[in-house]
Amino acid sequence: MHNSPHESNRQFSSRFKFGLETPLEGRYVGEDKKLVFAPPQWYDKLVGSCLVLGFLSVLSSPFGFGGGFFFDGTSRFWVGLSVALAGLWALLSNERLICDLGSRQYSRWEGKGPFKHVSRGSLDELDAIVLIASQQATPTLNGVIYRLVLHWKGSRLPLLVVGQWSVSLSPGSPLNSGAGPVVALGSRFAKSLRVPFFDNSYFHSPGPVKPV
């Protein structure tokens, strides 16, 4: 499906986000009754491990008493603190969107550091899912990043990247030549949410989210 003028203009809208650009993936849960866009399960486990192991390392250290900076216990304290803070930053940057396909309601957690914002509303507020492609070509590599971007009507909420894939194409290949699986997935998500799907992967688009 080709893009409408409405979507081709809106897809370039950008926003700045405090923190990391958390990778999201879509998955169906509860016998396909809910569509959840969230970090991969391995990512959640990694964040949890950083928090638990980091704080355990801090609590088990002697906090530097009895030796210099390179004393084993002191090193354990600083390493543990760094790991725990990294996990906390990643946790605060997490974004999630839970779509209840039965009740047609959504809940969104938007990562804004310590000022995480929670929004709830009807799936009728969603506008479209747009597939965009960002070319990252070098003299020896034709790299492309495909992104599925979810828009809200009237820009009620900031757009959300609900999937991202990096693909290496052969030199001279069309920009959308590797987008087939992403098109199929985006179409399935759009059908579940009852919104239009627009495939704009045949031309270059800038990344829609700028982390700071």
N, C-alpha and C. Protein backbone atom coordinates (compact mmCIF):
# COMPACT_ATOMS: atom_id res chain seq x y z
N MET A 1 0.85 -1.19 0.00
CA MET A 1 0.00 0.00 0.00
C MET A 1 0.88 1.24 0.00
N HIS A 2 0.58 2.18 -0.88
CA HIS A 2 1.38 3.38 -0.96
C HIS A 2 0.95 4.39 0.09
N ASN A 3 1.85 5.34 0.32
CA ASN A 3 1.56 6.32 1.36
C ASN A 3 0.58 7.37 0.86
N SER A 4 -0.21 7.90 1.77
CA SER A 4 -1.06 9.04 1.45
C SER A 4 -0.26 10.30 1.68
N PRO A 5 -0.63 11.43 1.06
CA PRO A 5 0.08 12.68 1.34
C PRO A 5 0.09 13.02 2.81
N HIS A 6 -1.02 12.70 3.48
CA HIS A 6 -1.13 12.98 4.92
C HIS A 6 -0.01 12.28 5.68
N GLU A 7 0.20 10.99 5.41
CA GLU A 7 1.21 10.23 6.13
C GLU A 7 2.61 10.58 5.69
N SER A 8 2.80 10.88 4.39
CA SER A 8 4.15 11.17 3.92
C SER A 8 4.69 12.43 4.56
N ASN A 9 3.80 13.36 4.92
CA ASN A 9 4.25 14.55 5.61
C ASN A 9 4.49 14.29 7.09
N ARG A 10 3.58 13.53 7.71
CA ARG A 10 3.66 13.36 9.16
C ARG A 10 4.79 12.43 9.58
N GLN A 11 5.23 11.54 8.70
CA GLN A 11 6.20 10.57 9.12
C GLN A 11 7.54 11.21 9.47
N PHE A 12 7.78 12.44 9.00
CA PHE A 12 9.05 13.08 9.28
C PHE A 12 9.04 13.84 10.60
N SER A 13 7.90 13.89 11.28
CA SER A 13 7.85 14.57 12.57
C SER A 13 8.76 13.85 13.56
N SER A 14 9.52 14.61 14.32
CA SER A 14 10.48 14.04 15.26
C SER A 14 10.20 14.51 16.66
N ARG A 15 10.71 13.80 17.60
CA ARG A 15 10.61 14.21 18.98
C ARG A 15 11.90 13.83 19.68
N PHE A 16 12.22 14.52 20.74
CA PHE A 16 13.39 14.19 21.53
C PHE A 16 12.93 13.43 22.76
N LYS A 17 13.72 12.44 23.15
CA LYS A 17 13.36 11.61 24.30
C LYS A 17 14.53 11.56 25.25
N PHE A 18 14.24 11.75 26.52
CA PHE A 18 15.27 11.66 27.55
C PHE A 18 15.55 10.19 27.84
N GLY A 19 16.77 9.76 27.58
CA GLY A 19 17.12 8.38 27.88
C GLY A 19 17.48 7.59 26.65
N LEU A 20 17.33 6.27 26.73
CA LEU A 20 17.68 5.37 25.65
C LEU A 20 16.52 5.21 24.68
N GLU A 21 16.84 4.84 23.43
CA GLU A 21 15.80 4.46 22.49
C GLU A 21 15.58 2.96 22.69
N THR A 22 14.63 2.63 23.55
CA THR A 22 14.41 1.25 23.94
C THR A 22 13.90 0.43 22.76
N PRO A 23 14.51 -0.70 22.44
CA PRO A 23 13.99 -1.52 21.34
C PRO A 23 12.66 -2.15 21.74
N LEU A 24 11.69 -2.08 20.84
CA LEU A 24 10.38 -2.67 21.10
C LEU A 24 10.09 -3.74 20.06
N GLU A 25 9.25 -4.68 20.45
CA GLU A 25 8.75 -5.68 19.51
C GLU A 25 7.29 -5.95 19.84
N GLY A 26 6.53 -6.31 18.84
CA GLY A 26 5.12 -6.61 19.05
C GLY A 26 4.90 -8.10 19.25
N ARG A 27 4.06 -8.45 20.20
CA ARG A 27 3.72 -9.86 20.42
C ARG A 27 2.28 -9.96 20.93
N TYR A 28 1.64 -11.03 20.53
CA TYR A 28 0.27 -11.29 20.95
C TYR A 28 0.29 -12.15 22.21
N VAL A 29 -0.55 -11.80 23.19
CA VAL A 29 -0.62 -12.55 24.44
C VAL A 29 -2.09 -12.86 24.74
N GLY A 30 -2.29 -13.85 25.62
CA GLY A 30 -3.65 -14.19 26.03
C GLY A 30 -4.51 -14.67 24.89
N GLU A 31 -4.00 -15.65 24.11
CA GLU A 31 -4.74 -16.19 22.96
C GLU A 31 -5.11 -15.07 21.99
N ASP A 32 -4.13 -14.21 21.72
CA ASP A 32 -4.27 -13.11 20.77
C ASP A 32 -5.32 -12.08 21.18
N LYS A 33 -5.64 -12.03 22.48
CA LYS A 33 -6.61 -11.04 22.95
C LYS A 33 -5.96 -9.68 23.19
N LYS A 34 -4.63 -9.68 23.33
CA LYS A 34 -3.91 -8.43 23.54
C LYS A 34 -2.71 -8.38 22.60
N LEU A 35 -2.42 -7.19 22.12
CA LEU A 35 -1.23 -6.93 21.32
C LEU A 35 -0.33 -6.00 22.14
N VAL A 36 0.84 -6.49 22.50
CA VAL A 36 1.74 -5.76 23.38
C VAL A 36 2.99 -5.35 22.61
N PHE A 37 3.32 -4.08 22.69
CA PHE A 37 4.58 -3.57 22.14
C PHE A 37 5.47 -3.24 23.33
N ALA A 38 6.54 -4.01 23.50
CA ALA A 38 7.38 -3.89 24.68
C ALA A 38 8.80 -4.33 24.32
N PRO A 39 9.76 -4.06 25.20
CA PRO A 39 11.11 -4.57 24.95
C PRO A 39 11.10 -6.09 24.87
N PRO A 40 12.02 -6.69 24.12
CA PRO A 40 12.10 -8.16 24.09
C PRO A 40 12.27 -8.72 25.49
N GLN A 41 11.85 -9.95 25.69
CA GLN A 41 11.93 -10.55 27.01
C GLN A 41 13.37 -10.65 27.50
N TRP A 42 14.31 -10.89 26.57
CA TRP A 42 15.71 -10.96 26.98
C TRP A 42 16.19 -9.61 27.50
N TYR A 43 15.63 -8.52 26.94
CA TYR A 43 16.03 -7.18 27.37
C TYR A 43 15.53 -6.91 28.79
N ASP A 44 14.29 -7.30 29.06
CA ASP A 44 13.75 -7.14 30.41
C ASP A 44 14.55 -7.95 31.43
N LYS A 45 14.94 -9.16 31.04
CA LYS A 45 15.74 -9.99 31.94
C LYS A 45 17.11 -9.38 32.18
N LEU A 46 17.70 -8.79 31.15
CA LEU A 46 19.01 -8.14 31.29
C LEU A 46 18.92 -6.95 32.24
N VAL A 47 17.87 -6.14 32.08
CA VAL A 47 17.68 -4.98 32.97
C VAL A 47 17.49 -5.44 34.41
N GLY A 48 16.67 -6.47 34.61
CA GLY A 48 16.45 -6.99 35.96
C GLY A 48 17.71 -7.55 36.58
N SER A 49 18.52 -8.23 35.77
CA SER A 49 19.78 -8.80 36.28
C SER A 49 20.74 -7.70 36.69
N CYS A 50 20.80 -6.63 35.90
CA CYS A 50 21.67 -5.51 36.26
C CYS A 50 21.27 -4.90 37.60
N LEU A 51 19.96 -4.73 37.80
CA LEU A 51 19.50 -4.14 39.06
C LEU A 51 19.79 -5.05 40.24
N VAL A 52 19.44 -6.33 40.12
CA VAL A 52 19.61 -7.26 41.24
C VAL A 52 21.09 -7.49 41.54
N LEU A 53 21.87 -7.85 40.54
CA LEU A 53 23.28 -8.16 40.77
C LEU A 53 24.06 -6.91 41.17
N GLY A 54 23.69 -5.78 40.59
CA GLY A 54 24.38 -4.54 40.96
C GLY A 54 24.19 -4.17 42.41
N PHE A 55 22.93 -4.20 42.88
CA PHE A 55 22.66 -3.84 44.27
C PHE A 55 23.20 -4.89 45.24
N LEU A 56 23.17 -6.17 44.85
CA LEU A 56 23.76 -7.22 45.70
C LEU A 56 25.26 -7.01 45.83
N SER A 57 25.89 -6.60 44.75
CA SER A 57 27.33 -6.34 44.80
C SER A 57 27.65 -5.17 45.71
N VAL A 58 26.81 -4.13 45.65
CA VAL A 58 27.01 -2.96 46.52
C VAL A 58 26.82 -3.35 47.99
N LEU A 59 25.76 -4.10 48.29
CA LEU A 59 25.46 -4.46 49.67
C LEU A 59 26.50 -5.43 50.26
N SER A 60 27.12 -6.24 49.40
CA SER A 60 28.09 -7.21 49.90
C SER A 60 29.51 -6.65 50.00
N SER A 61 29.71 -5.42 49.55
CA SER A 61 31.06 -4.83 49.61
C SER A 61 31.28 -4.17 50.96
N PRO A 62 32.57 -3.98 51.34
CA PRO A 62 32.87 -3.29 52.61
C PRO A 62 32.86 -1.78 52.46
N PHE A 63 32.35 -1.26 51.33
CA PHE A 63 32.24 0.18 51.09
C PHE A 63 33.58 0.90 51.21
N GLY A 64 34.65 0.19 50.84
CA GLY A 64 35.95 0.84 50.78
C GLY A 64 36.73 0.85 52.07
N PHE A 65 36.18 0.39 53.16
CA PHE A 65 36.91 0.42 54.42
C PHE A 65 37.94 -0.70 54.47
N GLY A 66 39.13 -0.36 54.83
CA GLY A 66 40.18 -1.36 55.01
C GLY A 66 41.13 -1.49 53.84
N GLY A 67 41.02 -0.65 52.84
CA GLY A 67 41.95 -0.76 51.73
C GLY A 67 41.86 0.44 50.83
N GLY A 68 42.73 0.50 49.83
CA GLY A 68 42.73 1.59 48.87
C GLY A 68 41.64 1.41 47.83
N PHE A 69 41.70 2.23 46.80
CA PHE A 69 40.66 2.21 45.79
C PHE A 69 40.59 0.87 45.07
N PHE A 70 41.77 0.24 44.89
CA PHE A 70 41.79 -1.02 44.15
C PHE A 70 41.63 -2.23 45.05
N PHE A 71 41.29 -1.99 46.32
CA PHE A 71 40.94 -3.10 47.21
C PHE A 71 39.73 -3.80 46.62
N ASP A 72 39.71 -5.15 46.68
CA ASP A 72 38.70 -5.94 45.99
C ASP A 72 37.28 -5.53 46.36
N GLY A 73 37.05 -5.33 47.65
CA GLY A 73 35.71 -4.95 48.09
C GLY A 73 35.30 -3.59 47.57
N THR A 74 36.22 -2.65 47.53
CA THR A 74 35.92 -1.32 47.04
C THR A 74 35.60 -1.35 45.55
N SER A 75 36.39 -2.11 44.81
CA SER A 75 36.12 -2.25 43.38
C SER A 75 34.74 -2.86 43.16
N ARG A 76 34.38 -3.83 43.99
CA ARG A 76 33.08 -4.47 43.86
C ARG A 76 31.96 -3.46 44.11
N PHE A 77 32.19 -2.55 45.04
CA PHE A 77 31.18 -1.52 45.33
C PHE A 77 30.94 -0.63 44.12
N TRP A 78 32.03 -0.12 43.52
CA TRP A 78 31.88 0.83 42.42
C TRP A 78 31.37 0.15 41.15
N VAL A 79 31.83 -1.05 40.90
CA VAL A 79 31.33 -1.78 39.73
C VAL A 79 29.85 -2.11 39.91
N GLY A 80 29.49 -2.58 41.11
CA GLY A 80 28.09 -2.89 41.38
C GLY A 80 27.20 -1.67 41.26
N LEU A 81 27.67 -0.53 41.77
CA LEU A 81 26.89 0.70 41.69
C LEU A 81 26.69 1.12 40.23
N SER A 82 27.75 1.00 39.43
CA SER A 82 27.65 1.37 38.01
C SER A 82 26.66 0.48 37.27
N VAL A 83 26.73 -0.82 37.55
CA VAL A 83 25.82 -1.77 36.89
C VAL A 83 24.37 -1.50 37.31
N ALA A 84 24.15 -1.24 38.60
CA ALA A 84 22.79 -0.97 39.09
C ALA A 84 22.24 0.31 38.48
N LEU A 85 23.06 1.35 38.38
CA LEU A 85 22.60 2.61 37.79
C LEU A 85 22.30 2.45 36.31
N ALA A 86 23.10 1.64 35.61
CA ALA A 86 22.84 1.38 34.20
C ALA A 86 21.50 0.67 34.03
N GLY A 87 21.22 -0.30 34.89
CA GLY A 87 19.95 -1.00 34.85
C GLY A 87 18.78 -0.08 35.16
N LEU A 88 18.98 0.83 36.13
CA LEU A 88 17.92 1.77 36.49
C LEU A 88 17.62 2.73 35.36
N TRP A 89 18.66 3.22 34.69
CA TRP A 89 18.47 4.12 33.56
C TRP A 89 17.71 3.42 32.44
N ALA A 90 18.08 2.16 32.16
CA ALA A 90 17.39 1.41 31.12
C ALA A 90 15.92 1.19 31.50
N LEU A 91 15.66 0.90 32.78
CA LEU A 91 14.29 0.68 33.23
C LEU A 91 13.45 1.94 33.08
N LEU A 92 14.01 3.09 33.43
CA LEU A 92 13.28 4.35 33.34
C LEU A 92 13.07 4.78 31.89
N SER A 93 13.87 4.24 30.97
CA SER A 93 13.74 4.59 29.56
C SER A 93 12.77 3.67 28.82
N ASN A 94 12.32 2.61 29.49
CA ASN A 94 11.43 1.65 28.84
C ASN A 94 10.12 2.29 28.40
N GLU A 95 9.66 1.87 27.22
CA GLU A 95 8.34 2.25 26.74
C GLU A 95 7.53 0.99 26.49
N ARG A 96 6.24 1.04 26.78
CA ARG A 96 5.36 -0.10 26.56
C ARG A 96 4.00 0.39 26.11
N LEU A 97 3.40 -0.38 25.24
CA LEU A 97 2.04 -0.10 24.81
C LEU A 97 1.28 -1.42 24.84
N ILE A 98 0.23 -1.48 25.66
CA ILE A 98 -0.59 -2.67 25.78
C ILE A 98 -1.96 -2.36 25.15
N CYS A 99 -2.30 -3.11 24.11
CA CYS A 99 -3.55 -2.89 23.39
C CYS A 99 -4.49 -4.07 23.66
N ASP A 100 -5.60 -3.79 24.32
CA ASP A 100 -6.62 -4.81 24.56
C ASP A 100 -7.55 -4.83 23.34
N LEU A 101 -7.42 -5.88 22.53
CA LEU A 101 -8.17 -5.94 21.28
C LEU A 101 -9.65 -6.21 21.49
N GLY A 102 -10.01 -6.71 22.68
CA GLY A 102 -11.42 -6.97 22.98
C GLY A 102 -12.15 -5.71 23.39
N SER A 103 -11.61 -5.02 24.39
CA SER A 103 -12.25 -3.80 24.89
C SER A 103 -11.88 -2.57 24.06
N ARG A 104 -10.92 -2.72 23.13
CA ARG A 104 -10.48 -1.62 22.27
C ARG A 104 -9.91 -0.47 23.10
N GLN A 105 -9.14 -0.80 24.14
CA GLN A 105 -8.50 0.19 24.98
C GLN A 105 -6.99 -0.06 24.99
N TYR A 106 -6.23 1.01 25.23
CA TYR A 106 -4.78 0.88 25.32
C TYR A 106 -4.25 1.56 26.57
N SER A 107 -3.08 1.10 27.00
CA SER A 107 -2.32 1.75 28.08
C SER A 107 -0.89 1.90 27.59
N ARG A 108 -0.36 3.10 27.71
CA ARG A 108 0.99 3.37 27.22
C ARG A 108 1.86 3.95 28.34
N TRP A 109 3.03 3.33 28.53
CA TRP A 109 4.05 3.84 29.44
C TRP A 109 5.14 4.44 28.58
N GLU A 110 5.30 5.74 28.68
CA GLU A 110 6.31 6.43 27.86
C GLU A 110 7.51 6.77 28.72
N GLY A 111 8.69 6.29 28.28
CA GLY A 111 9.90 6.49 29.06
C GLY A 111 10.40 7.92 29.00
N LYS A 112 10.42 8.58 30.13
CA LYS A 112 10.95 9.95 30.20
C LYS A 112 11.82 10.08 31.45
N GLY A 113 12.77 9.16 31.60
CA GLY A 113 13.59 9.20 32.79
C GLY A 113 12.73 9.01 34.03
N PRO A 114 12.94 9.78 35.09
CA PRO A 114 12.14 9.63 36.30
C PRO A 114 10.72 10.16 36.14
N PHE A 115 10.44 10.84 35.04
CA PHE A 115 9.12 11.43 34.83
C PHE A 115 8.34 10.59 33.82
N LYS A 116 8.19 9.31 34.09
CA LYS A 116 7.48 8.41 33.19
C LYS A 116 6.01 8.80 33.13
N HIS A 117 5.49 8.83 31.90
CA HIS A 117 4.11 9.27 31.69
C HIS A 117 3.26 8.07 31.28
N VAL A 118 2.10 7.92 31.88
CA VAL A 118 1.17 6.84 31.57
C VAL A 118 -0.06 7.44 30.90
N SER A 119 -0.41 6.92 29.72
CA SER A 119 -1.57 7.39 28.98
C SER A 119 -2.50 6.22 28.72
N ARG A 120 -3.80 6.48 28.77
CA ARG A 120 -4.80 5.45 28.48
C ARG A 120 -5.85 6.04 27.55
N GLY A 121 -6.40 5.21 26.71
CA GLY A 121 -7.42 5.70 25.80
C GLY A 121 -7.97 4.60 24.93
N SER A 122 -8.72 5.00 23.91
CA SER A 122 -9.36 4.06 22.99
C SER A 122 -8.46 3.81 21.79
N LEU A 123 -8.51 2.59 21.27
CA LEU A 123 -7.75 2.28 20.06
C LEU A 123 -8.25 3.07 18.86
N ASP A 124 -9.44 3.65 18.98
CA ASP A 124 -9.95 4.50 17.91
C ASP A 124 -9.14 5.78 17.77
N GLU A 125 -8.32 6.11 18.77
CA GLU A 125 -7.47 7.29 18.71
C GLU A 125 -6.24 7.06 17.83
N LEU A 126 -5.94 5.81 17.50
CA LEU A 126 -4.78 5.51 16.68
C LEU A 126 -5.06 5.87 15.24
N ASP A 127 -4.04 6.36 14.55
CA ASP A 127 -4.20 6.87 13.19
C ASP A 127 -3.75 5.86 12.14
N ALA A 128 -2.50 5.37 12.26
CA ALA A 128 -1.96 4.47 11.23
C ALA A 128 -0.64 3.90 11.71
N ILE A 129 -0.26 2.80 11.07
CA ILE A 129 1.10 2.27 11.20
C ILE A 129 1.81 2.52 9.88
N VAL A 130 3.00 3.13 9.95
CA VAL A 130 3.75 3.50 8.76
C VAL A 130 5.11 2.81 8.79
N LEU A 131 5.46 2.16 7.70
CA LEU A 131 6.77 1.56 7.56
C LEU A 131 7.69 2.55 6.86
N ILE A 132 8.79 2.90 7.50
CA ILE A 132 9.76 3.81 6.90
C ILE A 132 11.12 3.11 6.83
N ALA A 133 11.98 3.61 5.96
CA ALA A 133 13.31 3.04 5.76
C ALA A 133 14.35 4.15 5.85
N SER A 134 15.40 3.91 6.60
CA SER A 134 16.50 4.87 6.74
C SER A 134 17.76 4.23 6.17
N GLN A 135 18.28 4.83 5.12
CA GLN A 135 19.46 4.26 4.45
C GLN A 135 20.72 4.68 5.16
N GLN A 136 21.63 3.74 5.35
CA GLN A 136 22.93 3.99 5.97
C GLN A 136 24.01 3.38 5.10
N ALA A 137 24.12 3.90 3.89
CA ALA A 137 25.02 3.32 2.91
C ALA A 137 26.46 3.79 3.14
N THR A 138 27.41 2.90 2.91
CA THR A 138 28.84 3.19 2.94
C THR A 138 29.43 2.69 1.61
N PRO A 139 30.72 2.99 1.32
CA PRO A 139 31.30 2.50 0.06
C PRO A 139 31.25 0.98 -0.10
N THR A 140 31.18 0.23 1.01
CA THR A 140 31.19 -1.23 0.92
C THR A 140 29.91 -1.89 1.44
N LEU A 141 28.97 -1.10 1.96
CA LEU A 141 27.78 -1.69 2.56
C LEU A 141 26.56 -0.83 2.27
N ASN A 142 25.48 -1.48 1.89
CA ASN A 142 24.21 -0.80 1.67
C ASN A 142 23.27 -1.19 2.81
N GLY A 143 23.39 -0.52 3.94
CA GLY A 143 22.61 -0.85 5.12
C GLY A 143 21.32 -0.05 5.18
N VAL A 144 20.26 -0.69 5.65
CA VAL A 144 18.96 -0.04 5.77
C VAL A 144 18.35 -0.42 7.11
N ILE A 145 17.74 0.56 7.77
CA ILE A 145 16.98 0.30 8.99
C ILE A 145 15.50 0.50 8.68
N TYR A 146 14.72 -0.57 8.85
CA TYR A 146 13.27 -0.49 8.67
C TYR A 146 12.62 -0.28 10.04
N ARG A 147 11.67 0.65 10.09
CA ARG A 147 10.97 0.94 11.33
C ARG A 147 9.46 0.94 11.09
N LEU A 148 8.73 0.30 11.99
CA LEU A 148 7.27 0.41 12.02
C LEU A 148 6.92 1.50 13.03
N VAL A 149 6.24 2.53 12.57
CA VAL A 149 5.95 3.70 13.41
C VAL A 149 4.44 3.83 13.58
N LEU A 150 4.01 3.90 14.83
CA LEU A 150 2.59 4.05 15.15
C LEU A 150 2.27 5.52 15.40
N HIS A 151 1.23 6.02 14.73
CA HIS A 151 0.81 7.42 14.86
C HIS A 151 -0.53 7.51 15.57
N TRP A 152 -0.72 8.60 16.32
CA TRP A 152 -2.00 8.92 16.94
C TRP A 152 -2.69 10.01 16.14
N LYS A 153 -4.01 10.00 16.10
CA LYS A 153 -4.77 11.02 15.40
C LYS A 153 -4.52 12.38 16.05
N GLY A 154 -4.30 13.36 15.19
CA GLY A 154 -4.08 14.70 15.69
C GLY A 154 -2.83 14.84 16.53
N SER A 155 -1.90 13.88 16.40
CA SER A 155 -0.67 13.88 17.21
C SER A 155 -0.98 13.99 18.70
N ARG A 156 -2.05 13.30 19.12
CA ARG A 156 -2.46 13.35 20.53
C ARG A 156 -1.33 12.88 21.44
N LEU A 157 -0.61 11.85 21.02
CA LEU A 157 0.56 11.36 21.74
C LEU A 157 1.73 11.31 20.76
N PRO A 158 2.96 11.36 21.27
CA PRO A 158 4.11 11.23 20.38
C PRO A 158 4.07 9.88 19.67
N LEU A 159 4.59 9.87 18.45
CA LEU A 159 4.65 8.62 17.70
C LEU A 159 5.49 7.59 18.46
N LEU A 160 5.30 6.32 18.12
CA LEU A 160 5.99 5.24 18.81
C LEU A 160 6.55 4.27 17.79
N VAL A 161 7.85 4.00 17.88
CA VAL A 161 8.48 3.00 17.03
C VAL A 161 8.20 1.63 17.64
N VAL A 162 7.35 0.84 16.97
CA VAL A 162 6.93 -0.45 17.54
C VAL A 162 7.72 -1.62 16.97
N GLY A 163 8.73 -1.34 16.18
CA GLY A 163 9.58 -2.40 15.65
C GLY A 163 10.70 -1.80 14.82
N GLN A 164 11.88 -2.41 14.90
CA GLN A 164 13.03 -1.89 14.17
C GLN A 164 13.92 -3.05 13.75
N TRP A 165 14.36 -3.03 12.47
CA TRP A 165 15.18 -4.09 11.93
C TRP A 165 16.29 -3.49 11.07
N SER A 166 17.50 -4.02 11.19
CA SER A 166 18.64 -3.61 10.36
C SER A 166 18.89 -4.68 9.31
N VAL A 167 19.02 -4.26 8.05
CA VAL A 167 19.17 -5.19 6.94
C VAL A 167 20.31 -4.71 6.05
N SER A 168 21.12 -5.63 5.55
CA SER A 168 22.18 -5.32 4.58
C SER A 168 21.71 -5.76 3.20
N LEU A 169 21.67 -4.81 2.26
CA LEU A 169 21.22 -5.09 0.91
C LEU A 169 22.40 -5.14 -0.05
N SER A 170 22.21 -5.78 -1.16
CA SER A 170 23.24 -5.83 -2.19
C SER A 170 23.36 -4.45 -2.83
N PRO A 171 24.57 -4.07 -3.26
CA PRO A 171 24.73 -2.76 -3.91
C PRO A 171 23.78 -2.61 -5.09
N GLY A 172 23.12 -1.46 -5.15
CA GLY A 172 22.19 -1.19 -6.24
C GLY A 172 20.79 -1.72 -6.03
N SER A 173 20.55 -2.42 -4.92
CA SER A 173 19.21 -2.95 -4.67
C SER A 173 18.25 -1.83 -4.28
N PRO A 174 16.99 -1.94 -4.66
CA PRO A 174 16.00 -0.95 -4.22
C PRO A 174 15.94 -0.91 -2.69
N LEU A 175 15.61 0.24 -2.18
CA LEU A 175 15.61 0.44 -0.73
C LEU A 175 14.63 -0.50 -0.03
N ASN A 176 13.54 -0.85 -0.68
CA ASN A 176 12.52 -1.68 -0.05
C ASN A 176 12.66 -3.16 -0.38
N SER A 177 13.78 -3.57 -0.97
CA SER A 177 13.92 -4.96 -1.41
C SER A 177 14.00 -5.95 -0.25
N GLY A 178 14.33 -5.49 0.95
CA GLY A 178 14.39 -6.38 2.10
C GLY A 178 13.24 -6.20 3.07
N ALA A 179 12.21 -5.48 2.64
CA ALA A 179 11.13 -5.09 3.56
C ALA A 179 9.96 -6.07 3.59
N GLY A 180 10.02 -7.13 2.80
CA GLY A 180 8.88 -8.04 2.70
C GLY A 180 8.35 -8.55 4.03
N PRO A 181 9.20 -9.16 4.88
CA PRO A 181 8.72 -9.66 6.18
C PRO A 181 8.17 -8.55 7.07
N VAL A 182 8.77 -7.36 7.00
CA VAL A 182 8.31 -6.24 7.84
C VAL A 182 6.94 -5.75 7.36
N VAL A 183 6.75 -5.73 6.03
CA VAL A 183 5.45 -5.35 5.48
C VAL A 183 4.35 -6.30 5.96
N ALA A 184 4.65 -7.60 5.93
CA ALA A 184 3.67 -8.58 6.39
C ALA A 184 3.34 -8.41 7.86
N LEU A 185 4.37 -8.15 8.69
CA LEU A 185 4.14 -7.97 10.12
C LEU A 185 3.37 -6.69 10.39
N GLY A 186 3.78 -5.60 9.73
CA GLY A 186 3.08 -4.34 9.92
C GLY A 186 1.62 -4.41 9.50
N SER A 187 1.35 -5.13 8.41
CA SER A 187 -0.03 -5.30 7.95
C SER A 187 -0.85 -6.07 8.97
N ARG A 188 -0.23 -7.08 9.58
CA ARG A 188 -0.95 -7.87 10.59
C ARG A 188 -1.27 -7.02 11.82
N PHE A 189 -0.29 -6.23 12.28
CA PHE A 189 -0.53 -5.36 13.43
C PHE A 189 -1.66 -4.36 13.12
N ALA A 190 -1.59 -3.76 11.93
CA ALA A 190 -2.59 -2.75 11.55
C ALA A 190 -3.98 -3.37 11.48
N LYS A 191 -4.07 -4.57 10.96
CA LYS A 191 -5.36 -5.24 10.88
C LYS A 191 -5.93 -5.51 12.26
N SER A 192 -5.06 -5.92 13.21
CA SER A 192 -5.51 -6.19 14.58
C SER A 192 -5.99 -4.91 15.25
N LEU A 193 -5.31 -3.79 14.98
CA LEU A 193 -5.66 -2.52 15.61
C LEU A 193 -6.75 -1.77 14.85
N ARG A 194 -7.10 -2.26 13.64
CA ARG A 194 -8.11 -1.64 12.78
C ARG A 194 -7.70 -0.23 12.36
N VAL A 195 -6.45 -0.11 11.91
CA VAL A 195 -5.94 1.16 11.40
C VAL A 195 -5.30 0.90 10.04
N PRO A 196 -5.15 1.95 9.22
CA PRO A 196 -4.48 1.77 7.92
C PRO A 196 -2.99 1.45 8.10
N PHE A 197 -2.45 0.78 7.09
CA PHE A 197 -1.02 0.51 7.04
C PHE A 197 -0.45 1.16 5.78
N PHE A 198 0.64 1.92 5.94
CA PHE A 198 1.27 2.60 4.82
C PHE A 198 2.71 2.13 4.68
N ASP A 199 3.07 1.69 3.48
CA ASP A 199 4.42 1.22 3.20
C ASP A 199 5.20 2.32 2.50
N ASN A 200 6.04 3.02 3.25
CA ASN A 200 6.88 4.08 2.69
C ASN A 200 8.35 3.66 2.66
N SER A 201 8.58 2.36 2.49
CA SER A 201 9.95 1.85 2.55
C SER A 201 10.71 2.01 1.24
N TYR A 202 10.07 2.56 0.21
CA TYR A 202 10.74 2.69 -1.08
C TYR A 202 11.53 3.99 -1.21
N PHE A 203 11.51 4.85 -0.18
CA PHE A 203 12.36 6.04 -0.19
C PHE A 203 12.91 6.28 1.20
N HIS A 204 14.02 7.02 1.27
CA HIS A 204 14.70 7.26 2.55
C HIS A 204 13.92 8.22 3.42
N SER A 205 13.83 7.88 4.72
CA SER A 205 13.22 8.75 5.72
C SER A 205 14.17 8.86 6.90
N PRO A 206 14.27 10.01 7.53
CA PRO A 206 15.11 10.14 8.72
C PRO A 206 14.51 9.38 9.89
N GLY A 207 15.35 9.04 10.87
CA GLY A 207 14.85 8.38 12.07
C GLY A 207 13.83 9.25 12.76
N PRO A 208 12.69 8.70 13.19
CA PRO A 208 11.63 9.51 13.78
C PRO A 208 11.85 9.91 15.22
N VAL A 209 12.75 9.23 15.93
CA VAL A 209 12.98 9.51 17.34
C VAL A 209 14.43 9.90 17.55
N LYS A 210 14.65 10.99 18.26
CA LYS A 210 16.00 11.46 18.53
C LYS A 210 16.27 11.39 20.03
N PRO A 211 16.96 10.35 20.52
CA PRO A 211 17.26 10.28 21.95
C PRO A 211 18.31 11.31 22.31
N VAL A 212 18.21 11.86 23.51
CA VAL A 212 19.20 12.83 23.99
C VAL A 212 19.75 12.38 25.32
